[in-house]
Protein backbone atom coordinates (compact mmCIF):
# COMPACT_ATOMS: atom_id res chain seq x y z
CA MET A 1 5.28 35.83 17.80
CA ALA A 2 7.40 38.43 19.16
CA LYS A 3 5.92 41.49 20.41
CA SER A 4 6.79 45.38 19.76
CA GLY A 5 8.88 45.84 23.25
CA ARG A 6 10.73 43.34 22.21
CA ALA A 7 11.98 45.07 19.68
CA ARG A 8 15.28 46.48 21.48
CA HIS A 9 17.89 46.39 18.97
CA ARG A 10 18.75 48.79 16.13
CA ILE A 11 19.59 46.80 13.10
CA THR A 12 20.87 48.31 9.71
CA PHE A 13 20.51 46.64 6.65
CA ASP A 14 23.34 47.06 4.19
CA LYS A 15 22.77 46.09 0.56
CA ARG A 16 25.84 44.34 -1.64
CA VAL A 17 26.69 46.97 -4.42
CA GLU A 18 29.56 46.89 -6.90
CA GLN A 19 32.15 49.91 -6.83
CA ASP A 20 34.12 51.06 -9.60
CA ASP A 21 37.74 51.85 -8.03
CA GLY A 22 38.34 54.77 -11.12
CA PHE A 23 40.62 52.35 -12.19
CA GLY A 24 38.14 50.40 -14.51
CA ASN A 25 37.67 47.67 -11.71
CA THR A 26 34.68 46.84 -9.85
CA GLN A 27 35.06 45.97 -6.07
CA ALA A 28 31.97 44.41 -4.21
CA GLY A 29 30.99 46.87 -1.20
CA TRP A 30 27.98 47.35 1.07
CA GLU A 31 25.65 50.65 0.75
CA GLU A 32 23.39 51.26 3.82
CA GLN A 33 19.31 51.15 3.22
CA PHE A 34 17.35 51.43 6.57
CA THR A 35 17.56 51.08 9.89
CA LEU A 36 14.89 49.16 12.10
CA TRP A 37 14.37 48.08 15.60
CA ALA A 38 14.30 44.38 16.08
CA GLU A 39 14.27 41.52 18.62
CA VAL A 40 17.45 39.26 18.19
CA LYS A 41 17.21 35.77 19.67
CA ALA A 42 20.21 33.51 20.09
CA LYS A 43 19.86 30.15 17.88
CA LEU A 44 23.01 27.76 17.96
CA GLY A 45 26.24 28.09 18.18
CA GLY A 46 29.53 26.05 16.68
CA GLU A 47 32.64 26.67 14.63
CA ALA A 48 33.76 25.72 10.96
CA VAL A 49 37.25 25.56 9.10
CA THR A 50 37.96 28.58 7.55
CA ALA A 51 41.50 28.63 5.96
CA ALA A 52 42.80 26.31 7.91
CA ARG A 53 41.96 28.11 11.47
CA LEU A 54 38.67 27.40 13.78
CA GLN A 55 35.92 30.27 13.41
CA SER A 56 33.23 30.77 15.73
CA GLN A 57 29.78 31.04 14.22
CA ASN A 58 26.12 31.53 16.08
CA THR A 59 22.72 32.00 14.77
CA VAL A 60 20.76 34.48 15.07
CA ASN A 61 16.85 34.98 14.60
CA LEU A 62 16.04 38.45 13.97
CA THR A 63 12.26 39.58 14.38
CA ILE A 64 11.20 42.48 12.50
CA ARG A 65 7.98 44.45 11.85
CA GLN A 66 6.66 43.64 8.16
CA SER A 67 6.87 46.92 6.42
CA ARG A 68 7.31 48.00 2.76
CA ARG A 69 11.18 48.24 3.39
CA ALA A 70 11.30 45.23 5.56
CA ARG A 71 9.76 43.40 2.42
CA LEU A 72 13.24 44.52 0.74
CA ILE A 73 15.64 42.81 2.09
CA ARG A 74 17.21 40.22 0.51
CA GLU A 75 19.46 37.36 1.23
CA ASP A 76 22.14 38.83 -0.16
CA TRP A 77 22.14 41.40 2.32
CA ARG A 78 23.73 41.61 5.41
CA ALA A 79 22.78 42.99 8.84
CA ARG A 80 24.27 45.18 11.60
CA ASP A 81 23.25 45.72 15.01
CA GLN A 82 24.35 49.27 16.08
CA SER A 83 24.70 48.52 19.93
CA GLU A 84 26.62 45.13 19.56
CA GLY A 85 28.90 46.25 16.58
CA ILE A 86 27.71 42.50 15.02
CA GLU A 87 27.65 41.82 11.54
CA TYR A 88 24.89 39.08 10.79
CA ALA A 89 25.30 37.10 7.12
CA ILE A 90 21.32 36.71 6.20
CA LYS A 91 20.57 33.40 5.56
CA SER A 92 16.53 33.14 4.84
CA ILE A 93 13.55 35.42 5.28
CA ILE A 94 10.36 34.05 6.80
CA ASP A 95 6.75 35.18 7.18
CA PRO A 96 6.01 32.54 9.45
CA ASP A 97 2.14 33.65 10.01
CA ASP A 98 1.96 34.20 6.01
CA GLY A 99 0.97 38.12 5.84
CA GLY A 100 1.06 38.52 9.07
CA ALA A 101 2.70 41.44 11.17
CA TRP A 102 6.17 40.02 11.40
CA LEU A 103 8.96 38.99 9.59
CA GLU A 104 12.09 36.26 10.77
CA ILE A 105 15.42 36.54 9.68
CA LEU A 106 17.35 33.66 10.06
CA CYS A 107 21.36 35.53 10.23
CA GLN A 108 24.43 34.08 11.21
CA THR A 109 28.11 35.49 12.58
CA GLY A 110 31.24 34.20 11.04
CA THR A 111 30.43 33.66 7.71
CA ALA A 112 30.97 35.64 5.04
CA ALA A 113 27.40 37.98 3.88
C-alpha cells in the first residue's frame, strides 16, 4: 500500500455541473472542489478509435489518503494533475483495506470524463 512519502502529485478534483449560458440553455461544465496529495502509478496503455481516428489511452491508479473530502469523490468527477497538466476520467473508486487509510482511484487519460 502507499506510504505518505510517495504521494508527490497535487491532484485537483472537479465535479461536473450544469451551467446556465444566460439564454435559457444549460451547458455541462466543471467546478473545482479540492486538491489532495496522491501517488500516481501507471497501469496500462492502449488505443481506442474515436471519431474514426486512433486516440492514445493510459490507465493510472491514484492513491490518496482517506478523509472526509476524499470520500466525496464520485465516478462522474474528473481529476487533474497540477504539475503534469493531465486530465483523468475517474473510472472507479475502491477502499482496498475496507476502512483503511487509503483510497485507490482508477483513472484514464484520452477518454471523456
